[in-house]
Amino acid sequence: MRVLQLAIEFFKAIGRKEKMFDALFNTFTSINWEVIFQLLSVALIIIAGPVVIFVLAFRNGNL
């Protein structure tokens, strides 16, 4: 009887973990990754301009 109870608890735990992984997977799949990468690209381009200016100023205009 004790073995049966342990088996039931084991499979209940597996079921809870599957639900947790399903929720985690659904969270990652529902994120619009294309928009995130587009915003990241725009941010890198915007940051690159001042970086070039600072590099030019630091090296006295000599690239």
PDB file of N, CA and C in Angstrom:
ATOM      1  N   MET A   1       0.833  -1.195   0.000  1.00  0.00           N
ATOM      2  CA  MET A   1       0.000   0.000   0.000  1.00  0.00           C
ATOM      3  C   MET A   1       0.873   1.251   0.000  1.00  0.00           C
ATOM      4  N   ARG A   2       1.941   1.208   0.772  1.00  0.00           N
ATOM      5  CA  ARG A   2       2.842   2.367   0.857  1.00  0.00           C
ATOM      6  C   ARG A   2       3.513   2.627  -0.491  1.00  0.00           C
ATOM      7  N   VAL A   3       3.867   1.570  -1.199  1.00  0.00           N
ATOM      8  CA  VAL A   3       4.501   1.720  -2.512  1.00  0.00           C
ATOM      9  C   VAL A   3       3.527   2.379  -3.487  1.00  0.00           C
ATOM     10  N   LEU A   4       2.269   1.991  -3.410  1.00  0.00           N
ATOM     11  CA  LEU A   4       1.251   2.572  -4.278  1.00  0.00           C
ATOM     12  C   LEU A   4       1.091   4.065  -3.996  1.00  0.00           C
ATOM     13  N   GLN A   5       1.113   4.452  -2.728  1.00  0.00           N
ATOM     14  CA  GLN A   5       0.995   5.870  -2.361  1.00  0.00           C
ATOM     15  C   GLN A   5       2.204   6.653  -2.874  1.00  0.00           C
ATOM     16  N   LEU A   6       3.382   6.066  -2.739  1.00  0.00           N
ATOM     17  CA  LEU A   6       4.579   6.741  -3.233  1.00  0.00           C
ATOM     18  C   LEU A   6       4.530   6.907  -4.751  1.00  0.00           C
ATOM     19  N   ALA A   7       4.045   5.887  -5.444  1.00  0.00           N
ATOM     20  CA  ALA A   7       3.932   5.962  -6.898  1.00  0.00           C
ATOM     21  C   ALA A   7       2.947   7.053  -7.308  1.00  0.00           C
ATOM     22  N   ILE A   8       1.828   7.126  -6.586  1.00  0.00           N
ATOM     23  CA  ILE A   8       0.832   8.160  -6.887  1.00  0.00           C
ATOM     24  C   ILE A   8       1.419   9.547  -6.663  1.00  0.00           C
ATOM     25  N   GLU A   9       2.117   9.744  -5.564  1.00  0.00           N
ATOM     26  CA  GLU A   9       2.745  11.035  -5.275  1.00  0.00           C
ATOM     27  C   GLU A   9       3.800  11.375  -6.332  1.00  0.00           C
ATOM     28  N   PHE A  10       4.534  10.363  -6.771  1.00  0.00           N
ATOM     29  CA  PHE A  10       5.562  10.576  -7.799  1.00  0.00           C
ATOM     30  C   PHE A  10       4.931  11.083  -9.088  1.00  0.00           C
ATOM     31  N   PHE A  11       3.849  10.434  -9.516  1.00  0.00           N
ATOM     32  CA  PHE A  11       3.215  10.848 -10.764  1.00  0.00           C
ATOM     33  C   PHE A  11       2.503  12.186 -10.623  1.00  0.00           C
ATOM     34  N   LYS A  12       2.020  12.507  -9.452  1.00  0.00           N
ATOM     35  CA  LYS A  12       1.435  13.834  -9.225  1.00  0.00           C
ATOM     36  C   LYS A  12       2.527  14.901  -9.343  1.00  0.00           C
ATOM     37  N   ALA A  13       3.704  14.617  -8.790  1.00  0.00           N
ATOM     38  CA  ALA A  13       4.817  15.568  -8.875  1.00  0.00           C
ATOM     39  C   ALA A  13       5.243  15.762 -10.324  1.00  0.00           C
ATOM     40  N   ILE A  14       5.271  14.693 -11.076  1.00  0.00           N
ATOM     41  CA  ILE A  14       5.625  14.796 -12.498  1.00  0.00           C
ATOM     42  C   ILE A  14       4.594  15.657 -13.220  1.00  0.00           C
ATOM     43  N   GLY A  15       3.325  15.459 -12.902  1.00  0.00           N
ATOM     44  CA  GLY A  15       2.266  16.260 -13.524  1.00  0.00           C
ATOM     45  C   GLY A  15       2.417  17.737 -13.202  1.00  0.00           C
ATOM     46  N   ARG A  16       2.785  18.062 -11.956  1.00  0.00           N
ATOM     47  CA  ARG A  16       2.989  19.468 -11.580  1.00  0.00           C
ATOM     48  C   ARG A  16       4.172  20.058 -12.322  1.00  0.00           C
ATOM     49  N   LYS A  17       5.235  19.275 -12.477  1.00  0.00           N
ATOM     50  CA  LYS A  17       6.405  19.772 -13.203  1.00  0.00           C
ATOM     51  C   LYS A  17       6.080  19.972 -14.679  1.00  0.00           C
ATOM     52  N   GLU A  18       5.289  19.081 -15.250  1.00  0.00           N
ATOM     53  CA  GLU A  18       4.906  19.255 -16.651  1.00  0.00           C
ATOM     54  C   GLU A  18       4.107  20.534 -16.830  1.00  0.00           C
ATOM     55  N   LYS A  19       3.211  20.816 -15.890  1.00  0.00           N
ATOM     56  CA  LYS A  19       2.438  22.056 -15.977  1.00  0.00           C
ATOM     57  C   LYS A  19       3.355  23.266 -15.844  1.00  0.00           C
ATOM     58  N   MET A  20       4.361  23.171 -14.969  1.00  0.00           N
ATOM     59  CA  MET A  20       5.294  24.271 -14.783  1.00  0.00           C
ATOM     60  C   MET A  20       6.089  24.497 -16.073  1.00  0.00           C
ATOM     61  N   PHE A  21       6.577  23.406 -16.682  1.00  0.00           N
ATOM     62  CA  PHE A  21       7.346  23.545 -17.915  1.00  0.00           C
ATOM     63  C   PHE A  21       6.462  24.031 -19.057  1.00  0.00           C
ATOM     64  N   ASP A  22       5.209  23.601 -19.089  1.00  0.00           N
ATOM     65  CA  ASP A  22       4.291  24.096 -20.112  1.00  0.00           C
ATOM     66  C   ASP A  22       4.086  25.596 -19.968  1.00  0.00           C
ATOM     67  N   ALA A  23       3.916  26.067 -18.741  1.00  0.00           N
ATOM     68  CA  ALA A  23       3.736  27.497 -18.511  1.00  0.00           C
ATOM     69  C   ALA A  23       4.990  28.270 -18.911  1.00  0.00           C
ATOM     70  N   LEU A  24       6.156  27.735 -18.565  1.00  0.00           N
ATOM     71  CA  LEU A  24       7.411  28.387 -18.929  1.00  0.00           C
ATOM     72  C   LEU A  24       7.583  28.418 -20.444  1.00  0.00           C
ATOM     73  N   PHE A  25       7.292  27.314 -21.093  1.00  0.00           N
ATOM     74  CA  PHE A  25       7.410  27.239 -22.556  1.00  0.00           C
ATOM     75  C   PHE A  25       6.434  28.200 -23.221  1.00  0.00           C
ATOM     76  N   ASN A  26       5.208  28.256 -22.722  1.00  0.00           N
ATOM     77  CA  ASN A  26       4.215  29.166 -23.291  1.00  0.00           C
ATOM     78  C   ASN A  26       4.631  30.614 -23.109  1.00  0.00           C
ATOM     79  N   THR A  27       5.289  30.925 -22.006  1.00  0.00           N
ATOM     80  CA  THR A  27       5.762  32.288 -21.778  1.00  0.00           C
ATOM     81  C   THR A  27       6.805  32.664 -22.813  1.00  0.00           C
ATOM     82  N   PHE A  28       7.757  31.767 -23.074  1.00  0.00           N
ATOM     83  CA  PHE A  28       8.806  32.072 -24.031  1.00  0.00           C
ATOM     84  C   PHE A  28       8.291  32.085 -25.462  1.00  0.00           C
ATOM     85  N   THR A  29       7.308  31.281 -25.765  1.00  0.00           N
ATOM     86  CA  THR A  29       6.788  31.270 -27.136  1.00  0.00           C
ATOM     87  C   THR A  29       5.847  32.428 -27.383  1.00  0.00           C
ATOM     88  N   SER A  30       5.272  33.002 -26.335  1.00  0.00           N
ATOM     89  CA  SER A  30       4.348  34.113 -26.529  1.00  0.00           C
ATOM     90  C   SER A  30       5.076  35.446 -26.652  1.00  0.00           C
ATOM     91  N   ILE A  31       6.368  35.472 -26.348  1.00  0.00           N
ATOM     92  CA  ILE A  31       7.138  36.706 -26.495  1.00  0.00           C
ATOM     93  C   ILE A  31       7.401  36.940 -27.971  1.00  0.00           C
ATOM     94  N   ASN A  32       7.202  38.187 -28.406  1.00  0.00           N
ATOM     95  CA  ASN A  32       7.442  38.527 -29.800  1.00  0.00           C
ATOM     96  C   ASN A  32       8.922  38.846 -29.967  1.00  0.00           C
ATOM     97  N   TRP A  33       9.707  37.814 -30.274  1.00  0.00           N
ATOM     98  CA  TRP A  33      11.160  37.953 -30.333  1.00  0.00           C
ATOM     99  C   TRP A  33      11.601  38.870 -31.460  1.00  0.00           C
ATOM    100  N   GLU A  34      10.860  38.893 -32.553  1.00  0.00           N
ATOM    101  CA  GLU A  34      11.242  39.737 -33.691  1.00  0.00           C
ATOM    102  C   GLU A  34      11.260  41.205 -33.286  1.00  0.00           C
ATOM    103  N   VAL A  35      10.255  41.635 -32.552  1.00  0.00           N
ATOM    104  CA  VAL A  35      10.194  43.029 -32.101  1.00  0.00           C
ATOM    105  C   VAL A  35      11.340  43.328 -31.141  1.00  0.00           C
ATOM    106  N   ILE A  36      11.643  42.397 -30.260  1.00  0.00           N
ATOM    107  CA  ILE A  36      12.734  42.607 -29.305  1.00  0.00           C
ATOM    108  C   ILE A  36      14.065  42.772 -30.042  1.00  0.00           C
ATOM    109  N   PHE A  37      14.330  41.930 -31.038  1.00  0.00           N
ATOM    110  CA  PHE A  37      15.582  42.033 -31.788  1.00  0.00           C
ATOM    111  C   PHE A  37      15.618  43.288 -32.657  1.00  0.00           C
ATOM    112  N   GLN A  38      14.484  43.718 -33.171  1.00  0.00           N
ATOM    113  CA  GLN A  38      14.444  44.959 -33.935  1.00  0.00           C
ATOM    114  C   GLN A  38      14.760  46.151 -33.036  1.00  0.00           C
ATOM    115  N   LEU A  39      14.174  46.186 -31.842  1.00  0.00           N
ATOM    116  CA  LEU A  39      14.460  47.276 -30.907  1.00  0.00           C
ATOM    117  C   LEU A  39      15.919  47.252 -30.462  1.00  0.00           C
ATOM    118  N   LEU A  40      16.454  46.061 -30.255  1.00  0.00           N
ATOM    119  CA  LEU A  40      17.862  45.940 -29.889  1.00  0.00           C
ATOM    120  C   LEU A  40      18.768  46.460 -31.008  1.00  0.00           C
ATOM    121  N   SER A  41      18.430  46.143 -32.246  1.00  0.00           N
ATOM    122  CA  SER A  41      19.215  46.629 -33.382  1.00  0.00           C
ATOM    123  C   SER A  41      19.170  48.150 -33.475  1.00  0.00           C
ATOM    124  N   VAL A  42      17.997  48.724 -33.309  1.00  0.00           N
ATOM    125  CA  VAL A  42      17.872  50.186 -33.348  1.00  0.00           C
ATOM    126  C   VAL A  42      18.676  50.815 -32.221  1.00  0.00           C
ATOM    127  N   ALA A  43      18.621  50.230 -31.041  1.00  0.00           N
ATOM    128  CA  ALA A  43      19.376  50.773 -29.906  1.00  0.00           C
ATOM    129  C   ALA A  43      20.869  50.723 -30.174  1.00  0.00           C
ATOM    130  N   LEU A  44      21.363  49.644 -30.754  1.00  0.00           N
ATOM    131  CA  LEU A  44      22.795  49.544 -31.068  1.00  0.00           C
ATOM    132  C   LEU A  44      23.210  50.563 -32.113  1.00  0.00           C
ATOM    133  N   ILE A  45      22.359  50.803 -33.095  1.00  0.00           N
ATOM    134  CA  ILE A  45      22.663  51.800 -34.121  1.00  0.00           C
ATOM    135  C   ILE A  45      22.689  53.194 -33.511  1.00  0.00           C
ATOM    136  N   ILE A  46      21.738  53.497 -32.636  1.00  0.00           N
ATOM    137  CA  ILE A  46      21.684  54.810 -31.988  1.00  0.00           C
ATOM    138  C   ILE A  46      22.902  55.022 -31.090  1.00  0.00           C
ATOM    139  N   ILE A  47      23.333  53.984 -30.400  1.00  0.00           N
ATOM    140  CA  ILE A  47      24.495  54.098 -29.504  1.00  0.00           C
ATOM    141  C   ILE A  47      25.791  54.212 -30.308  1.00  0.00           C
ATOM    142  N   ALA A  48      25.838  53.635 -31.504  1.00  0.00           N
ATOM    143  CA  ALA A  48      27.066  53.637 -32.296  1.00  0.00           C
ATOM    144  C   ALA A  48      27.488  55.039 -32.713  1.00  0.00           C
ATOM    145  N   GLY A  49      26.538  55.936 -32.965  1.00  0.00           N
ATOM    146  CA  GLY A  49      26.873  57.296 -33.388  1.00  0.00           C
ATOM    147  C   GLY A  49      27.727  58.037 -32.370  1.00  0.00           C
ATOM    148  N   PRO A  50      27.252  58.200 -31.130  1.00  0.00           N
ATOM    149  CA  PRO A  50      28.069  58.885 -30.130  1.00  0.00           C
ATOM    150  C   PRO A  50      29.380  58.170 -29.821  1.00  0.00           C
ATOM    151  N   VAL A  51      29.403  56.854 -29.941  1.00  0.00           N
ATOM    152  CA  VAL A  51      30.647  56.120 -29.684  1.00  0.00           C
ATOM    153  C   VAL A  51      31.703  56.524 -30.712  1.00  0.00           C
ATOM    154  N   VAL A  52      31.301  56.630 -31.968  1.00  0.00           N
ATOM    155  CA  VAL A  52      32.243  57.046 -33.011  1.00  0.00           C
ATOM    156  C   VAL A  52      32.747  58.459 -32.732  1.00  0.00           C
ATOM    157  N   ILE A  53      31.869  59.350 -32.308  1.00  0.00           N
ATOM    158  CA  ILE A  53      32.269  60.727 -31.993  1.00  0.00           C
ATOM    159  C   ILE A  53      33.285  60.727 -30.861  1.00  0.00           C
ATOM    160  N   PHE A  54      33.034  59.967 -29.813  1.00  0.00           N
ATOM    161  CA  PHE A  54      33.975  59.919 -28.689  1.00  0.00           C
ATOM    162  C   PHE A  54      35.314  59.310 -29.092  1.00  0.00           C
ATOM    163  N   VAL A  55      35.289  58.297 -29.936  1.00  0.00           N
ATOM    164  CA  VAL A  55      36.545  57.693 -30.406  1.00  0.00           C
ATOM    165  C   VAL A  55      37.330  58.707 -31.225  1.00  0.00           C
ATOM    166  N   LEU A  56      36.628  59.447 -32.101  1.00  0.00           N
ATOM    167  CA  LEU A  56      37.301  60.487 -32.883  1.00  0.00           C
ATOM    168  C   LEU A  56      37.899  61.555 -31.982  1.00  0.00           C
ATOM    169  N   ALA A  57      37.158  61.976 -30.974  1.00  0.00           N
ATOM    170  CA  ALA A  57      37.667  63.014 -30.050  1.00  0.00           C
ATOM    171  C   ALA A  57      38.854  62.490 -29.254  1.00  0.00           C
ATOM    172  N   PHE A  58      38.793  61.245 -28.830  1.00  0.00           N
ATOM    173  CA  PHE A  58      39.880  60.679 -28.024  1.00  0.00           C
ATOM    174  C   PHE A  58      41.158  60.529 -28.838  1.00  0.00           C
ATOM    175  N   ARG A  59      40.996  60.193 -30.125  1.00  0.00           N
ATOM    176  CA  ARG A  59      42.177  59.970 -30.976  1.00  0.00           C
ATOM    177  C   ARG A  59      42.515  61.208 -31.799  1.00  0.00           C
ATOM    178  N   ASN A  60      41.983  62.361 -31.418  1.00  0.00           N
ATOM    179  CA  ASN A  60      42.230  63.634 -32.111  1.00  0.00           C
ATOM    180  C   ASN A  60      41.859  63.588 -33.579  1.00  0.00           C
ATOM    181  N   GLY A  61      40.744  62.938 -33.889  1.00  0.00           N
ATOM    182  CA  GLY A  61      40.221  62.912 -35.259  1.00  0.00           C
ATOM    183  C   GLY A  61      40.911  61.921 -36.171  1.00  0.00           C
ATOM    184  N   ASN A  62      41.766  61.081 -35.646  1.00  0.00           N
ATOM    185  CA  ASN A  62      42.501  60.134 -36.479  1.00  0.00           C
ATOM    186  C   ASN A  62      41.933  58.727 -36.255  1.00  0.00           C
ATOM    187  N   LEU A  63      41.194  58.224 -37.232  1.00  0.00           N
ATOM    188  CA  LEU A  63      40.691  56.861 -37.123  1.00  0.00           C
ATOM    189  C   LEU A  63      41.751  55.870 -37.571  1.00  0.00           C
TER     190      LEU A  63
END
